[in-house]
C-alpha cells in the first residue's frame, strides 16, 4: 500500500518523465493490488497550485478529480480527526507545510509507504518513503 505525494500524483497521471523508475514500479505494483492511496489534501493542493498559476491541467480540474475517483485502484483518504491531530503532533524535526504534514500523517495512519521526491520528507525519520 502506498500514498502518493501531490506532485507524484500529477506526474503519474500525466505520465511525466520526472517520475523515477523505482516510483513507477511501486505504483504499478500497487495499481495491480488496488492499493494506491491519496490524501484528500492533495485535491486542495492541486486547486491551489492551479489558482496560483503553478499547475495547468489538460481538462477542468473537477472532471480530472472525478476521473481519478472512478479508478478502482485509487482510494482518496479524507482528512479525519485522527489524521488532522496527528499532522499537528508529528515529532520534530519537520517543516511546517500543512499539506505535507497531512500527507505524512495519512501515510502513518494507513501504515503505507509515501512516494515522494521531496527531500525534506525523505529525510524525515518517522515515515517510510520511496523515490
N, C-alpha and C. Protein backbone atom coordinates (compact mmCIF):
# COMPACT_ATOMS: atom_id res chain seq x y z
N UNK A 1 0.85 -1.17 0.00
CA UNK A 1 0.00 0.00 0.00
C UNK A 1 0.89 1.23 0.00
N UNK A 2 0.53 2.19 -0.84
CA UNK A 2 1.33 3.41 -0.97
C UNK A 2 0.42 4.63 -0.91
N UNK A 3 1.01 5.74 -0.47
CA UNK A 3 0.37 7.05 -0.54
C UNK A 3 1.20 7.88 -1.51
N UNK A 4 0.53 8.55 -2.44
CA UNK A 4 1.23 9.41 -3.39
C UNK A 4 1.24 10.84 -2.89
N UNK A 5 2.42 11.45 -2.88
CA UNK A 5 2.51 12.89 -2.62
C UNK A 5 1.85 13.59 -3.80
N UNK A 6 1.43 14.81 -3.63
CA UNK A 6 0.67 15.52 -4.65
C UNK A 6 1.42 15.61 -5.97
N UNK A 7 2.69 15.96 -5.94
CA UNK A 7 3.44 16.08 -7.20
C UNK A 7 3.58 14.72 -7.88
N UNK A 8 3.70 13.66 -7.11
CA UNK A 8 3.79 12.31 -7.68
C UNK A 8 2.47 11.95 -8.37
N UNK A 9 1.37 12.29 -7.75
CA UNK A 9 0.05 12.05 -8.35
C UNK A 9 -0.05 12.73 -9.71
N UNK A 10 0.29 13.99 -9.76
CA UNK A 10 0.21 14.76 -11.02
C UNK A 10 1.15 14.17 -12.07
N UNK A 11 2.37 13.85 -11.66
CA UNK A 11 3.35 13.28 -12.61
C UNK A 11 2.92 11.91 -13.09
N UNK A 12 2.36 11.09 -12.20
CA UNK A 12 1.92 9.75 -12.58
C UNK A 12 0.76 9.82 -13.57
N UNK A 13 -0.26 10.59 -13.26
CA UNK A 13 -1.42 10.69 -14.14
C UNK A 13 -1.01 11.31 -15.49
N UNK A 14 -0.14 12.31 -15.44
CA UNK A 14 0.30 12.98 -16.67
C UNK A 14 1.42 12.28 -17.41
N UNK A 15 1.88 11.15 -16.85
CA UNK A 15 2.99 10.40 -17.46
C UNK A 15 4.22 11.27 -17.69
N UNK A 16 4.51 12.09 -16.68
CA UNK A 16 5.66 12.99 -16.74
C UNK A 16 6.96 12.19 -16.58
N UNK A 17 8.00 12.59 -17.27
CA UNK A 17 9.28 11.88 -17.15
C UNK A 17 9.97 12.09 -15.80
N UNK A 18 9.53 13.05 -15.01
CA UNK A 18 10.14 13.32 -13.71
C UNK A 18 9.97 12.17 -12.73
N UNK A 19 9.00 11.33 -12.96
CA UNK A 19 8.72 10.21 -12.06
C UNK A 19 9.85 9.18 -12.17
N UNK A 20 10.44 8.82 -11.05
CA UNK A 20 11.56 7.88 -11.06
C UNK A 20 11.09 6.48 -11.48
N UNK A 21 12.00 5.69 -11.99
CA UNK A 21 11.68 4.32 -12.40
C UNK A 21 11.24 3.49 -11.19
N UNK A 22 11.90 3.68 -10.06
CA UNK A 22 11.54 2.96 -8.84
C UNK A 22 10.12 3.31 -8.41
N UNK A 23 9.79 4.60 -8.45
CA UNK A 23 8.43 5.03 -8.09
C UNK A 23 7.41 4.42 -9.05
N UNK A 24 7.71 4.45 -10.35
CA UNK A 24 6.80 3.86 -11.35
C UNK A 24 6.54 2.38 -11.05
N UNK A 25 7.60 1.64 -10.74
CA UNK A 25 7.45 0.21 -10.45
C UNK A 25 6.53 -0.02 -9.25
N UNK A 26 6.75 0.74 -8.20
CA UNK A 26 5.93 0.58 -6.99
C UNK A 26 4.49 1.01 -7.23
N UNK A 27 4.30 2.04 -8.01
CA UNK A 27 2.94 2.48 -8.33
C UNK A 27 2.24 1.42 -9.17
N UNK A 28 2.94 0.84 -10.15
CA UNK A 28 2.34 -0.22 -10.97
C UNK A 28 1.96 -1.43 -10.13
N UNK A 29 2.82 -1.80 -9.20
CA UNK A 29 2.52 -2.93 -8.29
C UNK A 29 1.30 -2.62 -7.43
N UNK A 30 1.25 -1.41 -6.89
CA UNK A 30 0.12 -1.01 -6.05
C UNK A 30 -1.17 -0.93 -6.87
N UNK A 31 -1.04 -0.52 -8.12
CA UNK A 31 -2.21 -0.44 -9.01
C UNK A 31 -2.81 -1.84 -9.20
N UNK A 32 -1.98 -2.84 -9.41
CA UNK A 32 -2.45 -4.21 -9.58
C UNK A 32 -3.15 -4.71 -8.33
N UNK A 33 -2.68 -4.27 -7.17
CA UNK A 33 -3.27 -4.70 -5.89
C UNK A 33 -4.42 -3.79 -5.45
N UNK A 34 -4.69 -2.75 -6.25
CA UNK A 34 -5.76 -1.77 -5.95
C UNK A 34 -5.51 -1.07 -4.62
N UNK A 35 -4.24 -0.66 -4.41
CA UNK A 35 -3.85 -0.08 -3.12
C UNK A 35 -3.10 1.24 -3.29
N UNK A 36 -3.58 2.13 -4.13
CA UNK A 36 -2.99 3.46 -4.26
C UNK A 36 -3.85 4.42 -3.45
N UNK A 37 -3.24 5.04 -2.45
CA UNK A 37 -3.96 5.96 -1.58
C UNK A 37 -3.52 7.40 -1.88
N UNK A 38 -4.49 8.29 -1.79
CA UNK A 38 -4.23 9.71 -2.00
C UNK A 38 -4.96 10.48 -0.91
N UNK A 39 -4.23 11.34 -0.23
CA UNK A 39 -4.87 12.19 0.77
C UNK A 39 -5.76 13.21 0.06
N UNK A 40 -6.92 13.45 0.62
CA UNK A 40 -7.82 14.46 0.06
C UNK A 40 -7.19 15.85 0.08
N UNK A 41 -6.18 16.05 0.93
CA UNK A 41 -5.50 17.35 0.94
C UNK A 41 -4.81 17.60 -0.40
N UNK A 42 -4.50 16.55 -1.14
CA UNK A 42 -3.89 16.72 -2.46
C UNK A 42 -4.85 17.41 -3.43
N UNK A 43 -6.15 17.17 -3.27
CA UNK A 43 -7.14 17.86 -4.10
C UNK A 43 -7.06 19.35 -3.81
N UNK A 44 -7.04 19.70 -2.54
CA UNK A 44 -6.91 21.11 -2.12
C UNK A 44 -5.63 21.71 -2.70
N UNK A 45 -4.53 20.96 -2.59
CA UNK A 45 -3.24 21.45 -3.06
C UNK A 45 -3.23 21.65 -4.58
N UNK A 46 -3.85 20.74 -5.32
CA UNK A 46 -3.92 20.87 -6.78
C UNK A 46 -4.72 22.11 -7.17
N UNK A 47 -5.86 22.30 -6.55
CA UNK A 47 -6.66 23.51 -6.84
C UNK A 47 -5.86 24.78 -6.52
N UNK A 48 -5.14 24.76 -5.42
CA UNK A 48 -4.33 25.91 -5.03
C UNK A 48 -3.22 26.18 -6.05
N UNK A 49 -2.54 25.14 -6.50
CA UNK A 49 -1.48 25.29 -7.50
C UNK A 49 -2.03 25.85 -8.81
N UNK A 50 -3.20 25.40 -9.19
CA UNK A 50 -3.83 25.90 -10.42
C UNK A 50 -4.20 27.37 -10.24
N UNK A 51 -4.79 27.71 -9.11
CA UNK A 51 -5.19 29.09 -8.84
C UNK A 51 -3.98 30.03 -8.88
N UNK A 52 -2.84 29.55 -8.38
CA UNK A 52 -1.62 30.37 -8.35
C UNK A 52 -0.84 30.33 -9.66
N UNK A 53 -1.33 29.59 -10.65
CA UNK A 53 -0.68 29.53 -11.95
C UNK A 53 0.54 28.63 -11.99
N UNK A 54 0.71 27.76 -11.00
CA UNK A 54 1.88 26.87 -10.94
C UNK A 54 1.60 25.49 -11.53
N UNK A 55 0.34 25.24 -11.90
CA UNK A 55 -0.05 23.96 -12.49
C UNK A 55 -1.17 24.21 -13.47
N UNK A 56 -1.12 23.50 -14.58
CA UNK A 56 -2.19 23.59 -15.58
C UNK A 56 -2.53 22.17 -16.00
N UNK A 57 -3.80 21.82 -15.91
CA UNK A 57 -4.25 20.51 -16.34
C UNK A 57 -4.82 20.60 -17.75
N UNK A 58 -4.94 19.46 -18.40
CA UNK A 58 -5.46 19.44 -19.78
C UNK A 58 -6.98 19.43 -19.82
N UNK A 59 -7.62 19.42 -18.66
CA UNK A 59 -9.08 19.45 -18.59
C UNK A 59 -9.50 20.17 -17.31
N UNK A 60 -10.77 20.39 -17.18
CA UNK A 60 -11.31 21.02 -15.98
C UNK A 60 -10.89 20.21 -14.75
N UNK A 61 -10.50 20.90 -13.70
CA UNK A 61 -9.98 20.25 -12.50
C UNK A 61 -11.00 19.31 -11.87
N UNK A 62 -12.24 19.73 -11.77
CA UNK A 62 -13.28 18.88 -11.16
C UNK A 62 -13.46 17.59 -11.95
N UNK A 63 -13.41 17.68 -13.27
CA UNK A 63 -13.54 16.49 -14.11
C UNK A 63 -12.33 15.58 -13.93
N UNK A 64 -11.14 16.19 -13.85
CA UNK A 64 -9.90 15.44 -13.65
C UNK A 64 -9.98 14.63 -12.35
N UNK A 65 -10.44 15.27 -11.29
CA UNK A 65 -10.58 14.61 -9.99
C UNK A 65 -11.63 13.49 -10.07
N UNK A 66 -12.75 13.76 -10.74
CA UNK A 66 -13.81 12.74 -10.88
C UNK A 66 -13.29 11.51 -11.60
N UNK A 67 -12.46 11.71 -12.63
CA UNK A 67 -11.85 10.57 -13.33
C UNK A 67 -11.01 9.73 -12.37
N UNK A 68 -10.22 10.41 -11.54
CA UNK A 68 -9.39 9.70 -10.56
C UNK A 68 -10.25 8.92 -9.56
N UNK A 69 -11.33 9.55 -9.11
CA UNK A 69 -12.20 8.91 -8.13
C UNK A 69 -12.83 7.62 -8.67
N UNK A 70 -13.00 7.53 -9.97
CA UNK A 70 -13.62 6.36 -10.60
C UNK A 70 -12.65 5.20 -10.78
N UNK A 71 -11.36 5.45 -10.65
CA UNK A 71 -10.38 4.38 -10.85
C UNK A 71 -10.47 3.39 -9.69
N UNK A 72 -10.59 2.09 -9.99
CA UNK A 72 -10.80 1.11 -8.92
C UNK A 72 -9.57 0.89 -8.02
N UNK A 73 -8.42 1.36 -8.44
CA UNK A 73 -7.20 1.14 -7.67
C UNK A 73 -6.76 2.38 -6.91
N UNK A 74 -7.52 3.47 -7.03
CA UNK A 74 -7.22 4.72 -6.33
C UNK A 74 -8.25 4.93 -5.23
N UNK A 75 -7.74 5.23 -4.03
CA UNK A 75 -8.63 5.47 -2.89
C UNK A 75 -8.23 6.79 -2.23
N UNK A 76 -9.15 7.73 -2.22
CA UNK A 76 -8.92 9.01 -1.55
C UNK A 76 -9.18 8.82 -0.06
N UNK A 77 -8.25 9.29 0.75
CA UNK A 77 -8.37 9.20 2.20
C UNK A 77 -8.71 10.59 2.73
N UNK A 78 -9.90 10.74 3.30
CA UNK A 78 -10.28 12.06 3.83
C UNK A 78 -9.44 12.44 5.05
N UNK A 79 -9.36 13.72 5.27
CA UNK A 79 -8.65 14.22 6.45
C UNK A 79 -9.62 14.12 7.62
N UNK A 80 -9.51 13.01 8.37
CA UNK A 80 -10.39 12.82 9.51
C UNK A 80 -9.72 13.39 10.77
N UNK A 81 -10.37 13.24 11.90
CA UNK A 81 -9.84 13.80 13.14
C UNK A 81 -8.49 13.21 13.52
N UNK A 82 -8.32 11.90 13.30
CA UNK A 82 -7.05 11.25 13.63
C UNK A 82 -5.91 11.83 12.79
N UNK A 83 -6.12 11.94 11.50
CA UNK A 83 -5.09 12.47 10.61
C UNK A 83 -4.82 13.94 10.92
N UNK A 84 -5.88 14.71 11.14
CA UNK A 84 -5.71 16.14 11.45
C UNK A 84 -4.89 16.33 12.72
N UNK A 85 -5.22 15.60 13.77
CA UNK A 85 -4.48 15.77 15.03
C UNK A 85 -3.07 15.22 14.90
N UNK A 86 -2.92 14.11 14.22
CA UNK A 86 -1.59 13.52 14.05
C UNK A 86 -0.68 14.47 13.27
N UNK A 87 -1.22 15.17 12.28
CA UNK A 87 -0.40 16.08 11.47
C UNK A 87 0.21 17.21 12.30
N UNK A 88 -0.48 17.59 13.35
CA UNK A 88 0.00 18.67 14.22
C UNK A 88 0.98 18.16 15.27
N UNK A 89 0.84 16.90 15.64
CA UNK A 89 1.66 16.35 16.72
C UNK A 89 2.80 15.46 16.22
N UNK A 90 3.11 15.51 14.94
CA UNK A 90 4.24 14.73 14.41
C UNK A 90 5.52 15.14 15.12
N UNK A 91 6.37 14.17 15.45
CA UNK A 91 7.63 14.50 16.13
C UNK A 91 8.53 15.39 15.26
N UNK A 92 9.28 16.25 15.92
CA UNK A 92 10.27 17.07 15.21
C UNK A 92 11.45 16.18 14.84
N UNK A 93 12.27 16.54 13.89
CA UNK A 93 12.23 17.77 13.11
C UNK A 93 11.38 17.60 11.85
N UNK A 94 10.51 18.52 11.63
CA UNK A 94 9.69 18.52 10.42
C UNK A 94 9.26 19.94 10.13
N UNK A 95 9.28 20.30 8.85
CA UNK A 95 8.87 21.64 8.46
C UNK A 95 7.37 21.83 8.68
N UNK A 96 6.89 23.03 8.50
CA UNK A 96 5.53 23.39 8.89
C UNK A 96 4.49 23.35 7.76
N UNK A 97 4.85 22.91 6.57
CA UNK A 97 3.89 22.89 5.46
C UNK A 97 2.70 22.00 5.83
N UNK A 98 1.50 22.57 5.94
CA UNK A 98 0.36 21.78 6.41
C UNK A 98 -0.02 20.64 5.47
N UNK A 99 0.07 20.83 4.17
CA UNK A 99 -0.28 19.75 3.24
C UNK A 99 0.69 18.59 3.39
N UNK A 100 1.97 18.87 3.47
CA UNK A 100 2.96 17.80 3.66
C UNK A 100 2.72 17.06 4.97
N UNK A 101 2.42 17.80 6.01
CA UNK A 101 2.19 17.18 7.32
C UNK A 101 0.96 16.26 7.28
N UNK A 102 -0.08 16.68 6.58
CA UNK A 102 -1.29 15.86 6.46
C UNK A 102 -1.01 14.62 5.61
N UNK A 103 -0.24 14.78 4.55
CA UNK A 103 0.10 13.62 3.71
C UNK A 103 0.95 12.63 4.49
N UNK A 104 1.89 13.11 5.27
CA UNK A 104 2.71 12.23 6.12
C UNK A 104 1.82 11.54 7.15
N UNK A 105 0.94 12.29 7.79
CA UNK A 105 0.04 11.70 8.79
C UNK A 105 -0.87 10.65 8.16
N UNK A 106 -1.28 10.87 6.92
CA UNK A 106 -2.10 9.90 6.20
C UNK A 106 -1.32 8.60 6.00
N UNK A 107 -0.08 8.72 5.53
CA UNK A 107 0.75 7.53 5.32
C UNK A 107 0.94 6.77 6.63
N UNK A 108 1.21 7.49 7.70
CA UNK A 108 1.40 6.85 9.01
C UNK A 108 0.11 6.18 9.49
N UNK A 109 -1.00 6.85 9.34
CA UNK A 109 -2.29 6.31 9.79
C UNK A 109 -2.67 5.05 9.01
N UNK A 110 -2.29 5.01 7.74
CA UNK A 110 -2.63 3.88 6.89
C UNK A 110 -1.56 2.79 6.88
N UNK A 111 -0.42 3.05 7.54
CA UNK A 111 0.67 2.09 7.52
C UNK A 111 1.24 1.91 6.12
N UNK A 112 1.30 2.99 5.38
CA UNK A 112 1.70 2.95 3.97
C UNK A 112 3.03 3.65 3.74
N UNK A 113 3.66 3.31 2.64
CA UNK A 113 4.88 3.97 2.19
C UNK A 113 4.47 5.21 1.42
N UNK A 114 5.17 6.30 1.66
CA UNK A 114 4.89 7.56 0.98
C UNK A 114 5.85 7.71 -0.21
N UNK A 115 5.29 7.85 -1.40
CA UNK A 115 6.09 8.06 -2.60
C UNK A 115 6.23 9.57 -2.79
N UNK A 116 7.46 10.06 -2.71
CA UNK A 116 7.73 11.49 -2.82
C UNK A 116 9.14 11.76 -3.30
N UNK A 117 9.28 12.84 -4.04
CA UNK A 117 10.61 13.32 -4.43
C UNK A 117 11.11 14.37 -3.45
N UNK A 118 10.24 14.84 -2.59
CA UNK A 118 10.54 15.92 -1.65
C UNK A 118 11.63 15.48 -0.66
N UNK A 119 12.80 16.08 -0.77
CA UNK A 119 13.94 15.71 0.08
C UNK A 119 13.64 15.94 1.56
N UNK A 120 12.90 17.01 1.88
CA UNK A 120 12.59 17.28 3.29
C UNK A 120 11.78 16.14 3.90
N UNK A 121 10.85 15.60 3.10
CA UNK A 121 10.05 14.48 3.60
C UNK A 121 10.89 13.21 3.63
N UNK A 122 11.70 13.00 2.61
CA UNK A 122 12.56 11.81 2.57
C UNK A 122 13.49 11.75 3.78
N UNK A 123 13.92 12.90 4.26
CA UNK A 123 14.84 12.96 5.40
C UNK A 123 14.13 12.86 6.75
N UNK A 124 12.81 12.90 6.73
CA UNK A 124 12.04 12.81 7.97
C UNK A 124 12.06 11.35 8.43
N UNK A 125 12.62 11.07 9.61
CA UNK A 125 12.85 9.68 10.01
C UNK A 125 11.61 8.91 10.47
N UNK A 126 10.48 9.57 10.60
CA UNK A 126 9.31 8.93 11.18
C UNK A 126 8.32 8.39 10.15
N UNK A 127 8.62 8.51 8.86
CA UNK A 127 7.74 7.98 7.82
C UNK A 127 8.60 7.25 6.79
N UNK A 128 8.11 6.13 6.31
CA UNK A 128 8.83 5.38 5.29
C UNK A 128 8.52 5.99 3.93
N UNK A 129 9.57 6.38 3.20
CA UNK A 129 9.40 7.00 1.89
C UNK A 129 10.11 6.16 0.83
N UNK A 130 9.77 6.49 -0.39
CA UNK A 130 10.35 5.81 -1.54
C UNK A 130 10.44 6.81 -2.68
N UNK A 131 11.54 6.78 -3.38
CA UNK A 131 11.68 7.55 -4.60
C UNK A 131 12.56 6.81 -5.55
